Amino acid sequence: MNRISRFLTRPLAFSMLGLGLLLGLSGCATTARVGVTSDFDHSVNFRAYKTWSWYPTQPVDTEGGPAKGYESFLDKRIRTAVEQQLTQKGMVYAERNPDVYVAYSARVEDKQRATGSPYGPFGYPYGYGYYGYGGLYNRGGYVTDYKAGTVILDFVDVKRKELAWRGQGQAQVDQQTISEAEVQRIVTSILGNYPPGAEQASR
């Protein structure tokens, strides 16, 4: 290949490399990591919980609506995801005399994070390109605005009327609400810690 041919093909190679980076970064943005925490009453035998029902006095929906005879889309998404996961764990939904009540709450918050690297709070790069859209760089590092979606699940012992287990999951989301796919990912991650394993119970 002569010098002219090499010169002409070089921009094409850089273009393809740039396209590959762009697709790679955008692909990462669709798989935000979920940060999960949980806590529980160490005196509870969670294996004894076989049946569950929704907490009967949830006053408002997750998006702040009046909850008078209907649910928001986010409520429906959370309820569907929880029901699927608990069914897979062998727990049976029971309207009367359940072992535990399950309550939930959710919110989306605007947050800002500063870091010394061009990677976001959940492990993938900000935006696209070398500096990212919406990302700022100063002497302290990168600063970016993002939306964080949080879901909290509470398991309440019906007989004792006490909180037995709480799980919380948070992930970066794209909009002011949490999409169906994002709810599924967050709820699945939270309930991955339920019931507490032997290694947790021994702490």
N, C-alpha and C. Protein backbone atom coordinates (compact mmCIF):
# COMPACT_ATOMS: atom_id res chain seq x y z
N MET A 1 0.86 -1.19 0.00
CA MET A 1 0.00 0.00 0.00
C MET A 1 0.90 1.25 0.00
N ASN A 2 0.66 2.20 -0.93
CA ASN A 2 1.49 3.39 -0.99
C ASN A 2 1.08 4.40 0.06
N ARG A 3 1.85 5.51 0.16
CA ARG A 3 1.60 6.49 1.21
C ARG A 3 0.22 7.13 1.08
N ILE A 4 -0.21 7.38 -0.17
CA ILE A 4 -1.52 8.01 -0.38
C ILE A 4 -2.64 7.11 0.12
N SER A 5 -2.54 5.82 -0.19
CA SER A 5 -3.58 4.88 0.25
C SER A 5 -3.65 4.80 1.77
N ARG A 6 -2.44 4.76 2.40
CA ARG A 6 -2.42 4.71 3.86
C ARG A 6 -3.02 5.98 4.45
N PHE A 7 -2.76 7.13 3.84
CA PHE A 7 -3.28 8.40 4.33
C PHE A 7 -4.79 8.45 4.23
N LEU A 8 -5.33 7.93 3.12
CA LEU A 8 -6.77 7.97 2.92
C LEU A 8 -7.51 7.00 3.84
N THR A 9 -6.88 5.87 4.13
CA THR A 9 -7.58 4.87 4.96
C THR A 9 -7.49 5.20 6.44
N ARG A 10 -6.53 6.06 6.84
CA ARG A 10 -6.37 6.37 8.25
C ARG A 10 -7.59 7.06 8.86
N PRO A 11 -8.18 8.08 8.20
CA PRO A 11 -9.40 8.69 8.77
C PRO A 11 -10.54 7.70 8.91
N LEU A 12 -10.65 6.77 7.94
CA LEU A 12 -11.70 5.77 8.03
C LEU A 12 -11.50 4.88 9.25
N ALA A 13 -10.25 4.51 9.49
CA ALA A 13 -9.97 3.66 10.65
C ALA A 13 -10.31 4.37 11.95
N PHE A 14 -9.95 5.68 12.03
CA PHE A 14 -10.27 6.44 13.23
C PHE A 14 -11.77 6.58 13.39
N SER A 15 -12.49 6.75 12.26
CA SER A 15 -13.94 6.87 12.33
C SER A 15 -14.57 5.60 12.86
N MET A 16 -14.09 4.45 12.38
CA MET A 16 -14.63 3.18 12.84
C MET A 16 -14.33 2.96 14.32
N LEU A 17 -13.11 3.37 14.74
CA LEU A 17 -12.76 3.26 16.14
C LEU A 17 -13.68 4.12 17.00
N GLY A 18 -13.94 5.35 16.54
CA GLY A 18 -14.82 6.24 17.28
C GLY A 18 -16.23 5.68 17.36
N LEU A 19 -16.71 5.08 16.26
CA LEU A 19 -18.04 4.49 16.26
C LEU A 19 -18.10 3.32 17.24
N GLY A 20 -17.04 2.52 17.26
CA GLY A 20 -17.01 1.40 18.18
C GLY A 20 -17.05 1.85 19.62
N LEU A 21 -16.29 2.91 19.94
CA LEU A 21 -16.32 3.45 21.30
C LEU A 21 -17.69 3.98 21.65
N LEU A 22 -18.32 4.68 20.71
CA LEU A 22 -19.65 5.24 20.95
C LEU A 22 -20.66 4.15 21.24
N LEU A 23 -20.65 3.09 20.43
CA LEU A 23 -21.60 2.00 20.64
C LEU A 23 -21.31 1.27 21.94
N GLY A 24 -20.03 1.14 22.26
CA GLY A 24 -19.67 0.47 23.50
C GLY A 24 -20.14 1.23 24.70
N LEU A 25 -19.96 2.55 24.69
CA LEU A 25 -20.37 3.36 25.83
C LEU A 25 -21.88 3.41 25.96
N SER A 26 -22.57 3.53 24.84
CA SER A 26 -24.03 3.59 24.91
C SER A 26 -24.58 2.26 25.38
N GLY A 27 -23.90 1.15 25.02
CA GLY A 27 -24.35 -0.15 25.49
C GLY A 27 -24.20 -0.27 26.98
N CYS A 28 -23.10 0.29 27.53
CA CYS A 28 -22.90 0.23 28.97
C CYS A 28 -23.97 1.01 29.72
N ALA A 29 -24.45 2.10 29.10
CA ALA A 29 -25.41 2.96 29.79
C ALA A 29 -26.75 2.30 30.01
N THR A 30 -27.02 1.21 29.26
CA THR A 30 -28.30 0.53 29.40
C THR A 30 -28.25 -0.55 30.48
N THR A 31 -27.09 -0.78 31.07
CA THR A 31 -26.97 -1.83 32.07
C THR A 31 -26.40 -1.25 33.37
N ALA A 32 -27.08 -0.22 33.88
CA ALA A 32 -26.61 0.42 35.10
C ALA A 32 -26.59 -0.57 36.25
N ARG A 33 -25.54 -0.52 37.02
CA ARG A 33 -25.46 -1.39 38.18
C ARG A 33 -26.47 -0.96 39.24
N VAL A 34 -26.91 -1.91 40.03
CA VAL A 34 -27.85 -1.63 41.11
C VAL A 34 -27.09 -1.74 42.44
N GLY A 35 -27.10 -0.66 43.20
CA GLY A 35 -26.52 -0.70 44.53
C GLY A 35 -27.57 -1.19 45.51
N VAL A 36 -27.28 -2.27 46.23
CA VAL A 36 -28.27 -2.92 47.09
C VAL A 36 -27.77 -2.98 48.52
N THR A 37 -28.64 -2.66 49.47
CA THR A 37 -28.37 -2.86 50.89
C THR A 37 -29.58 -3.54 51.52
N SER A 38 -29.35 -4.24 52.62
CA SER A 38 -30.46 -4.87 53.34
C SER A 38 -30.12 -4.98 54.82
N ASP A 39 -31.16 -5.06 55.63
CA ASP A 39 -31.00 -5.24 57.06
C ASP A 39 -32.18 -6.07 57.55
N PHE A 40 -32.01 -6.74 58.70
CA PHE A 40 -33.07 -7.64 59.14
C PHE A 40 -32.96 -7.90 60.63
N ASP A 41 -34.06 -8.43 61.18
CA ASP A 41 -34.13 -8.83 62.57
C ASP A 41 -33.48 -10.21 62.69
N HIS A 42 -32.37 -10.29 63.41
CA HIS A 42 -31.62 -11.54 63.48
C HIS A 42 -32.34 -12.63 64.29
N SER A 43 -33.38 -12.27 65.01
CA SER A 43 -34.12 -13.27 65.79
C SER A 43 -35.20 -13.98 64.98
N VAL A 44 -35.41 -13.54 63.73
CA VAL A 44 -36.50 -14.08 62.91
C VAL A 44 -36.03 -15.31 62.13
N ASN A 45 -36.89 -16.32 62.09
CA ASN A 45 -36.68 -17.49 61.24
C ASN A 45 -37.40 -17.24 59.91
N PHE A 46 -36.68 -16.75 58.93
CA PHE A 46 -37.31 -16.35 57.68
C PHE A 46 -37.82 -17.55 56.88
N ARG A 47 -37.28 -18.73 57.15
CA ARG A 47 -37.75 -19.92 56.44
C ARG A 47 -39.19 -20.27 56.83
N ALA A 48 -39.64 -19.73 57.96
CA ALA A 48 -41.01 -20.01 58.42
C ALA A 48 -42.04 -19.17 57.68
N TYR A 49 -41.59 -18.14 56.98
CA TYR A 49 -42.52 -17.31 56.21
C TYR A 49 -42.86 -18.02 54.89
N LYS A 50 -44.09 -18.42 54.78
CA LYS A 50 -44.54 -19.13 53.58
C LYS A 50 -45.54 -18.32 52.75
N THR A 51 -46.30 -17.45 53.41
CA THR A 51 -47.34 -16.68 52.72
C THR A 51 -47.13 -15.19 52.95
N TRP A 52 -47.64 -14.41 52.01
CA TRP A 52 -47.46 -12.96 52.12
C TRP A 52 -48.65 -12.24 51.49
N SER A 53 -48.79 -10.97 51.82
CA SER A 53 -49.80 -10.11 51.21
C SER A 53 -49.28 -8.69 51.23
N TRP A 54 -49.91 -7.83 50.46
CA TRP A 54 -49.51 -6.43 50.46
C TRP A 54 -49.94 -5.75 51.75
N TYR A 55 -49.10 -4.86 52.22
CA TYR A 55 -49.44 -4.10 53.42
C TYR A 55 -50.74 -3.35 53.17
N PRO A 56 -51.72 -3.47 54.05
CA PRO A 56 -53.08 -3.02 53.73
C PRO A 56 -53.31 -1.51 53.78
N THR A 57 -52.41 -0.75 54.35
CA THR A 57 -52.70 0.68 54.54
C THR A 57 -51.66 1.57 53.87
N GLN A 58 -51.26 1.22 52.65
CA GLN A 58 -50.34 2.09 51.92
C GLN A 58 -51.13 3.35 51.51
N PRO A 59 -50.81 4.54 52.06
CA PRO A 59 -51.69 5.70 51.91
C PRO A 59 -51.66 6.37 50.55
N VAL A 60 -50.50 6.43 49.91
CA VAL A 60 -50.41 7.10 48.61
C VAL A 60 -49.59 6.23 47.67
N ASP A 61 -49.71 6.52 46.38
CA ASP A 61 -48.91 5.75 45.44
C ASP A 61 -47.47 6.26 45.44
N THR A 62 -46.61 5.56 44.74
CA THR A 62 -45.19 5.87 44.78
C THR A 62 -44.85 7.20 44.13
N GLU A 63 -45.73 7.70 43.29
CA GLU A 63 -45.45 8.96 42.61
C GLU A 63 -46.23 10.14 43.21
N GLY A 64 -46.72 9.94 44.44
CA GLY A 64 -47.34 11.03 45.17
C GLY A 64 -48.78 11.30 44.83
N GLY A 65 -49.41 10.40 44.11
CA GLY A 65 -50.81 10.59 43.74
C GLY A 65 -51.75 10.24 44.87
N PRO A 66 -53.05 10.45 44.69
CA PRO A 66 -54.02 10.23 45.77
C PRO A 66 -54.30 8.77 46.08
N ALA A 67 -53.98 7.87 45.14
CA ALA A 67 -54.20 6.43 45.35
C ALA A 67 -55.64 6.13 45.75
N LYS A 68 -56.58 6.73 45.07
CA LYS A 68 -58.00 6.50 45.36
C LYS A 68 -58.60 5.60 44.29
N GLY A 69 -58.43 4.31 44.48
CA GLY A 69 -59.03 3.37 43.56
C GLY A 69 -58.21 3.04 42.34
N TYR A 70 -57.02 3.57 42.23
CA TYR A 70 -56.16 3.23 41.09
C TYR A 70 -54.70 3.36 41.51
N GLU A 71 -53.82 2.81 40.68
CA GLU A 71 -52.39 2.86 40.96
C GLU A 71 -51.67 3.52 39.80
N SER A 72 -50.54 4.11 40.09
CA SER A 72 -49.70 4.67 39.04
C SER A 72 -49.04 3.53 38.27
N PHE A 73 -48.45 3.85 37.13
CA PHE A 73 -47.72 2.84 36.36
C PHE A 73 -46.56 2.28 37.18
N LEU A 74 -45.91 3.14 37.95
CA LEU A 74 -44.78 2.69 38.75
C LEU A 74 -45.23 1.71 39.82
N ASP A 75 -46.38 1.98 40.46
CA ASP A 75 -46.92 1.04 41.44
C ASP A 75 -47.15 -0.33 40.81
N LYS A 76 -47.77 -0.34 39.64
CA LYS A 76 -48.06 -1.60 38.97
C LYS A 76 -46.77 -2.35 38.63
N ARG A 77 -45.76 -1.62 38.20
CA ARG A 77 -44.49 -2.25 37.84
C ARG A 77 -43.85 -2.89 39.07
N ILE A 78 -43.86 -2.16 40.18
CA ILE A 78 -43.25 -2.70 41.40
C ILE A 78 -44.00 -3.92 41.89
N ARG A 79 -45.33 -3.83 41.91
CA ARG A 79 -46.14 -4.96 42.38
C ARG A 79 -45.94 -6.19 41.51
N THR A 80 -45.90 -6.00 40.19
CA THR A 80 -45.69 -7.13 39.28
C THR A 80 -44.33 -7.78 39.52
N ALA A 81 -43.29 -6.95 39.65
CA ALA A 81 -41.94 -7.48 39.84
C ALA A 81 -41.82 -8.23 41.17
N VAL A 82 -42.40 -7.66 42.24
CA VAL A 82 -42.33 -8.32 43.54
C VAL A 82 -43.08 -9.64 43.52
N GLU A 83 -44.27 -9.65 42.94
CA GLU A 83 -45.05 -10.88 42.87
C GLU A 83 -44.30 -11.97 42.11
N GLN A 84 -43.66 -11.62 41.00
CA GLN A 84 -42.90 -12.60 40.23
C GLN A 84 -41.75 -13.17 41.04
N GLN A 85 -41.01 -12.30 41.71
CA GLN A 85 -39.84 -12.75 42.45
C GLN A 85 -40.21 -13.61 43.66
N LEU A 86 -41.26 -13.22 44.38
CA LEU A 86 -41.65 -14.01 45.55
C LEU A 86 -42.24 -15.36 45.14
N THR A 87 -42.92 -15.39 44.01
CA THR A 87 -43.42 -16.67 43.51
C THR A 87 -42.26 -17.60 43.19
N GLN A 88 -41.21 -17.07 42.58
CA GLN A 88 -40.03 -17.87 42.27
C GLN A 88 -39.35 -18.40 43.53
N LYS A 89 -39.50 -17.65 44.63
CA LYS A 89 -38.91 -18.08 45.90
C LYS A 89 -39.81 -19.04 46.67
N GLY A 90 -40.96 -19.37 46.09
CA GLY A 90 -41.85 -20.35 46.71
C GLY A 90 -42.83 -19.77 47.71
N MET A 91 -42.91 -18.45 47.80
CA MET A 91 -43.87 -17.84 48.71
C MET A 91 -45.22 -17.68 48.00
N VAL A 92 -46.29 -17.89 48.76
CA VAL A 92 -47.64 -17.90 48.20
C VAL A 92 -48.38 -16.65 48.65
N TYR A 93 -49.04 -15.98 47.70
CA TYR A 93 -49.84 -14.80 48.03
C TYR A 93 -51.12 -15.24 48.72
N ALA A 94 -51.43 -14.59 49.85
CA ALA A 94 -52.64 -14.95 50.62
C ALA A 94 -53.32 -13.68 51.09
N GLU A 95 -54.58 -13.51 50.71
CA GLU A 95 -55.33 -12.33 51.13
C GLU A 95 -55.58 -12.34 52.64
N ARG A 96 -55.80 -13.53 53.20
CA ARG A 96 -56.13 -13.64 54.62
C ARG A 96 -55.01 -14.33 55.39
N ASN A 97 -54.73 -13.80 56.55
CA ASN A 97 -53.78 -14.39 57.49
C ASN A 97 -52.42 -14.74 56.87
N PRO A 98 -51.79 -13.80 56.19
CA PRO A 98 -50.45 -14.08 55.66
C PRO A 98 -49.42 -14.07 56.79
N ASP A 99 -48.26 -14.63 56.51
CA ASP A 99 -47.16 -14.58 57.48
C ASP A 99 -46.52 -13.20 57.53
N VAL A 100 -46.41 -12.57 56.36
CA VAL A 100 -45.79 -11.25 56.31
C VAL A 100 -46.56 -10.33 55.38
N TYR A 101 -46.52 -9.06 55.72
CA TYR A 101 -46.98 -8.02 54.81
C TYR A 101 -45.76 -7.45 54.09
N VAL A 102 -45.95 -7.11 52.83
CA VAL A 102 -44.89 -6.46 52.06
C VAL A 102 -45.33 -5.04 51.73
N ALA A 103 -44.53 -4.08 52.09
CA ALA A 103 -44.77 -2.68 51.76
C ALA A 103 -43.62 -2.19 50.88
N TYR A 104 -43.87 -1.15 50.11
CA TYR A 104 -42.83 -0.63 49.22
C TYR A 104 -42.92 0.88 49.13
N SER A 105 -41.84 1.47 48.75
CA SER A 105 -41.81 2.90 48.41
C SER A 105 -40.77 3.08 47.32
N ALA A 106 -40.91 4.15 46.56
CA ALA A 106 -39.97 4.42 45.46
C ALA A 106 -39.88 5.91 45.23
N ARG A 107 -38.74 6.33 44.72
CA ARG A 107 -38.56 7.74 44.40
C ARG A 107 -37.45 7.88 43.36
N VAL A 108 -37.50 9.00 42.65
CA VAL A 108 -36.44 9.37 41.72
C VAL A 108 -35.91 10.73 42.15
N GLU A 109 -34.61 10.82 42.33
CA GLU A 109 -33.99 12.06 42.80
C GLU A 109 -32.94 12.55 41.81
N ASP A 110 -32.84 13.86 41.69
CA ASP A 110 -31.76 14.46 40.91
C ASP A 110 -30.54 14.57 41.82
N LYS A 111 -29.44 14.00 41.35
CA LYS A 111 -28.23 14.01 42.15
C LYS A 111 -27.04 14.50 41.33
N GLN A 112 -25.98 14.82 42.05
CA GLN A 112 -24.75 15.26 41.40
C GLN A 112 -23.60 14.54 42.07
N ARG A 113 -22.65 14.13 41.25
CA ARG A 113 -21.52 13.38 41.79
C ARG A 113 -20.22 13.87 41.21
N ALA A 114 -19.22 14.00 42.05
CA ALA A 114 -17.87 14.37 41.62
C ALA A 114 -16.98 13.15 41.81
N THR A 115 -16.14 12.89 40.83
CA THR A 115 -15.24 11.75 40.90
C THR A 115 -13.96 12.07 40.17
N GLY A 116 -12.92 11.36 40.47
CA GLY A 116 -11.63 11.60 39.84
C GLY A 116 -11.46 10.91 38.52
N SER A 117 -12.48 10.16 38.08
CA SER A 117 -12.38 9.46 36.80
C SER A 117 -13.64 9.72 35.99
N PRO A 118 -13.59 9.46 34.68
CA PRO A 118 -14.77 9.72 33.83
C PRO A 118 -15.81 8.63 33.90
N TYR A 119 -15.93 7.97 35.06
CA TYR A 119 -16.92 6.91 35.20
C TYR A 119 -17.99 7.33 36.18
N GLY A 120 -19.22 7.03 35.86
CA GLY A 120 -20.37 7.47 36.64
C GLY A 120 -20.49 6.75 37.96
N PRO A 121 -21.48 7.11 38.75
CA PRO A 121 -21.64 6.56 40.09
C PRO A 121 -21.97 5.08 40.11
N PHE A 122 -22.43 4.53 38.98
CA PHE A 122 -22.78 3.12 38.94
C PHE A 122 -21.87 2.34 37.99
N GLY A 123 -20.68 2.90 37.70
CA GLY A 123 -19.65 2.10 37.05
C GLY A 123 -19.52 2.21 35.56
N TYR A 124 -20.22 3.13 34.89
CA TYR A 124 -20.02 3.27 33.46
C TYR A 124 -19.79 4.73 33.11
N PRO A 125 -19.20 4.99 31.94
CA PRO A 125 -18.79 6.36 31.63
C PRO A 125 -19.96 7.31 31.48
N TYR A 126 -19.69 8.57 31.76
CA TYR A 126 -20.69 9.61 31.56
C TYR A 126 -20.88 9.85 30.07
N GLY A 127 -22.09 9.82 29.59
CA GLY A 127 -22.41 10.26 28.23
C GLY A 127 -21.58 9.56 27.18
N TYR A 128 -21.28 10.31 26.12
CA TYR A 128 -20.52 9.76 25.02
C TYR A 128 -19.31 10.63 24.74
N GLY A 129 -18.32 10.04 24.10
CA GLY A 129 -17.14 10.81 23.72
C GLY A 129 -16.15 10.86 24.86
N TYR A 130 -15.10 11.62 24.65
CA TYR A 130 -14.03 11.66 25.64
C TYR A 130 -14.43 12.39 26.91
N TYR A 131 -15.27 13.40 26.82
CA TYR A 131 -15.63 14.18 27.98
C TYR A 131 -17.07 13.99 28.42
N GLY A 132 -17.91 13.44 27.53
CA GLY A 132 -19.29 13.13 27.91
C GLY A 132 -20.21 14.32 27.83
N TYR A 133 -21.44 14.08 27.44
CA TYR A 133 -22.45 15.13 27.45
C TYR A 133 -22.99 15.27 28.85
N GLY A 134 -23.03 16.49 29.36
CA GLY A 134 -23.55 16.72 30.70
C GLY A 134 -22.51 16.58 31.79
N GLY A 135 -21.30 16.12 31.44
CA GLY A 135 -20.24 15.99 32.42
C GLY A 135 -19.35 17.22 32.40
N LEU A 136 -18.91 17.66 33.56
CA LEU A 136 -18.02 18.81 33.67
C LEU A 136 -16.72 18.35 34.29
N TYR A 137 -15.64 19.02 33.92
CA TYR A 137 -14.35 18.66 34.50
C TYR A 137 -13.76 19.88 35.16
N ASN A 138 -13.32 19.73 36.39
CA ASN A 138 -12.62 20.79 37.07
C ASN A 138 -11.39 20.21 37.75
N ARG A 139 -10.74 21.00 38.56
CA ARG A 139 -9.50 20.54 39.18
C ARG A 139 -9.74 19.37 40.13
N GLY A 140 -10.95 19.25 40.62
CA GLY A 140 -11.26 18.17 41.53
C GLY A 140 -11.65 16.88 40.83
N GLY A 141 -11.88 16.92 39.52
CA GLY A 141 -12.28 15.74 38.78
C GLY A 141 -13.53 16.00 37.98
N TYR A 142 -14.27 14.96 37.68
CA TYR A 142 -15.48 15.06 36.87
C TYR A 142 -16.70 15.29 37.76
N VAL A 143 -17.60 16.14 37.30
CA VAL A 143 -18.86 16.39 38.01
C VAL A 143 -19.99 16.17 37.01
N THR A 144 -21.00 15.43 37.41
CA THR A 144 -22.11 15.16 36.50
C THR A 144 -23.43 15.15 37.25
N ASP A 145 -24.50 15.52 36.56
CA ASP A 145 -25.85 15.40 37.09
C ASP A 145 -26.44 14.08 36.61
N TYR A 146 -27.20 13.43 37.47
CA TYR A 146 -27.85 12.19 37.06
C TYR A 146 -29.10 11.98 37.91
N LYS A 147 -29.95 11.06 37.46
CA LYS A 147 -31.16 10.72 38.20
C LYS A 147 -30.97 9.34 38.82
N ALA A 148 -31.30 9.25 40.09
CA ALA A 148 -31.18 7.99 40.81
C ALA A 148 -32.56 7.49 41.20
N GLY A 149 -32.88 6.28 40.80
CA GLY A 149 -34.14 5.65 41.18
C GLY A 149 -33.93 4.70 42.34
N THR A 150 -34.72 4.87 43.40
CA THR A 150 -34.58 4.05 44.61
C THR A 150 -35.88 3.32 44.89
N VAL A 151 -35.79 2.04 45.20
CA VAL A 151 -36.94 1.24 45.62
C VAL A 151 -36.61 0.63 46.98
N ILE A 152 -37.54 0.73 47.91
CA ILE A 152 -37.39 0.13 49.25
C ILE A 152 -38.52 -0.89 49.45
N LEU A 153 -38.16 -2.08 49.90
CA LEU A 153 -39.12 -3.14 50.21
C LEU A 153 -39.02 -3.49 51.69
N ASP A 154 -40.16 -3.49 52.37
CA ASP A 154 -40.23 -3.85 53.79
C ASP A 154 -41.06 -5.12 53.96
N PHE A 155 -40.56 -6.05 54.77
CA PHE A 155 -41.31 -7.25 55.14
C PHE A 155 -41.69 -7.10 56.61
N VAL A 156 -42.98 -7.07 56.89
CA VAL A 156 -43.49 -6.84 58.25
C VAL A 156 -44.12 -8.13 58.77
N ASP A 157 -43.64 -8.59 59.91
CA ASP A 157 -44.20 -9.79 60.54
C ASP A 157 -45.61 -9.47 61.01
N VAL A 158 -46.58 -10.21 60.51
CA VAL A 158 -47.98 -9.90 60.79
C VAL A 158 -48.33 -10.12 62.26
N LYS A 159 -47.89 -11.23 62.84
CA LYS A 159 -48.23 -11.53 64.23
C LYS A 159 -47.54 -10.57 65.20
N ARG A 160 -46.28 -10.30 64.94
CA ARG A 160 -45.53 -9.44 65.85
C ARG A 160 -45.75 -7.95 65.57
N LYS A 161 -46.23 -7.67 64.36
CA LYS A 161 -46.45 -6.29 63.93
C LYS A 161 -45.15 -5.48 64.01
N GLU A 162 -44.07 -6.13 63.54
CA GLU A 162 -42.76 -5.51 63.56
C GLU A 162 -42.05 -5.74 62.23
N LEU A 163 -41.19 -4.80 61.90
CA LEU A 163 -40.39 -4.92 60.68
C LEU A 163 -39.42 -6.09 60.84
N ALA A 164 -39.44 -7.00 59.88
CA ALA A 164 -38.55 -8.17 59.93
C ALA A 164 -37.36 -8.02 58.99
N TRP A 165 -37.59 -7.40 57.82
CA TRP A 165 -36.53 -7.29 56.80
C TRP A 165 -36.77 -6.05 55.95
N ARG A 166 -35.69 -5.36 55.60
CA ARG A 166 -35.78 -4.23 54.69
C ARG A 166 -34.67 -4.34 53.64
N GLY A 167 -35.06 -4.17 52.39
CA GLY A 167 -34.09 -4.16 51.30
C GLY A 167 -34.24 -2.89 50.48
N GLN A 168 -33.12 -2.34 50.06
CA GLN A 168 -33.14 -1.11 49.27
C GLN A 168 -32.22 -1.26 48.07
N GLY A 169 -32.70 -0.80 46.92
CA GLY A 169 -31.90 -0.83 45.70
C GLY A 169 -31.95 0.51 45.00
N GLN A 170 -30.81 0.92 44.45
CA GLN A 170 -30.74 2.20 43.75
C GLN A 170 -29.93 2.04 42.48
N ALA A 171 -30.41 2.66 41.40
CA ALA A 171 -29.69 2.62 40.13
C ALA A 171 -29.93 3.92 39.39
N GLN A 172 -29.02 4.25 38.51
CA GLN A 172 -29.21 5.43 37.67
C GLN A 172 -30.31 5.16 36.66
N VAL A 173 -31.22 6.10 36.50
CA VAL A 173 -32.35 5.94 35.58
C VAL A 173 -32.35 7.08 34.57
N ASP A 174 -33.13 6.89 33.51
CA ASP A 174 -33.11 7.84 32.40
C ASP A 174 -34.14 8.94 32.52
N GLN A 175 -35.23 8.70 33.26
CA GLN A 175 -36.33 9.66 33.29
C GLN A 175 -36.71 9.95 34.74
N GLN A 176 -37.78 10.74 34.90
CA GLN A 176 -38.23 11.11 36.24
C GLN A 176 -39.04 10.00 36.89
N THR A 177 -39.31 8.95 36.15
CA THR A 177 -39.93 7.76 36.72
C THR A 177 -39.00 6.59 36.45
N ILE A 178 -39.33 5.41 36.98
CA ILE A 178 -38.50 4.22 36.81
C ILE A 178 -39.20 3.31 35.80
N SER A 179 -38.54 3.00 34.73
CA SER A 179 -39.15 2.22 33.66
C SER A 179 -39.41 0.78 34.11
N GLU A 180 -40.16 0.05 33.30
CA GLU A 180 -40.48 -1.34 33.63
C GLU A 180 -39.21 -2.19 33.74
N ALA A 181 -38.30 -2.02 32.78
CA ALA A 181 -37.06 -2.80 32.80
C ALA A 181 -36.21 -2.44 34.02
N GLU A 182 -36.17 -1.16 34.35
CA GLU A 182 -35.38 -0.71 35.50
C GLU A 182 -35.98 -1.23 36.81
N VAL A 183 -37.32 -1.22 36.91
CA VAL A 183 -37.98 -1.75 38.11
C VAL A 183 -37.65 -3.23 38.26
N GLN A 184 -37.74 -3.98 37.16
CA GLN A 184 -37.45 -5.41 37.22
C GLN A 184 -36.03 -5.66 37.70
N ARG A 185 -35.09 -4.88 37.17
CA ARG A 185 -33.69 -5.06 37.54
C ARG A 185 -33.45 -4.71 39.02
N ILE A 186 -34.05 -3.61 39.48
CA ILE A 186 -33.84 -3.18 40.86
C ILE A 186 -34.49 -4.16 41.84
N VAL A 187 -35.75 -4.52 41.58
CA VAL A 187 -36.47 -5.42 42.49
C VAL A 187 -35.80 -6.78 42.54
N THR A 188 -35.38 -7.29 41.38
CA THR A 188 -34.69 -8.59 41.34
C THR A 188 -33.41 -8.54 42.15
N SER A 189 -32.69 -7.44 42.06
CA SER A 189 -31.44 -7.29 42.82
C SER A 189 -31.71 -7.22 44.32
N ILE A 190 -32.76 -6.47 44.71
CA ILE A 190 -33.09 -6.36 46.13
C ILE A 190 -33.44 -7.73 46.70
N LEU A 191 -34.36 -8.43 46.03
CA LEU A 191 -34.83 -9.71 46.56
C LEU A 191 -33.82 -10.83 46.37
N GLY A 192 -32.73 -10.54 45.69
CA GLY A 192 -31.63 -11.50 45.65
C GLY A 192 -31.01 -11.69 47.02
N ASN A 193 -31.26 -10.75 47.93
CA ASN A 193 -30.76 -10.84 49.31
C ASN A 193 -31.78 -11.44 50.27
N TYR A 194 -32.92 -11.87 49.75
CA TYR A 194 -33.96 -12.43 50.61
C TYR A 194 -34.21 -13.89 50.25
N PRO A 195 -34.40 -14.76 51.26
CA PRO A 195 -34.22 -14.49 52.69
C PRO A 195 -32.74 -14.39 53.03
N PRO A 196 -32.42 -13.77 54.16
CA PRO A 196 -31.02 -13.65 54.54
C PRO A 196 -30.37 -15.04 54.61
N GLY A 197 -29.17 -15.15 54.05
CA GLY A 197 -28.47 -16.44 54.06
C GLY A 197 -27.84 -16.73 55.41
N ALA A 198 -27.32 -17.92 55.54
CA ALA A 198 -26.72 -18.33 56.80
C ALA A 198 -25.52 -17.46 57.14
N GLU A 199 -24.77 -17.03 56.09
CA GLU A 199 -23.61 -16.21 56.36
C GLU A 199 -24.00 -14.84 56.89
N GLN A 200 -25.19 -14.32 56.44
CA GLN A 200 -25.65 -13.04 56.96
C GLN A 200 -26.20 -13.20 58.38
N ALA A 201 -26.98 -14.24 58.59
CA ALA A 201 -27.62 -14.44 59.88
C ALA A 201 -26.59 -14.67 61.00
N SER A 202 -25.39 -15.10 60.63
CA SER A 202 -24.39 -15.39 61.65
C SER A 202 -23.59 -14.17 62.05
N ARG A 203 -23.82 -13.02 61.37
CA ARG A 203 -23.05 -11.82 61.68
C ARG A 203 -23.43 -11.26 63.05
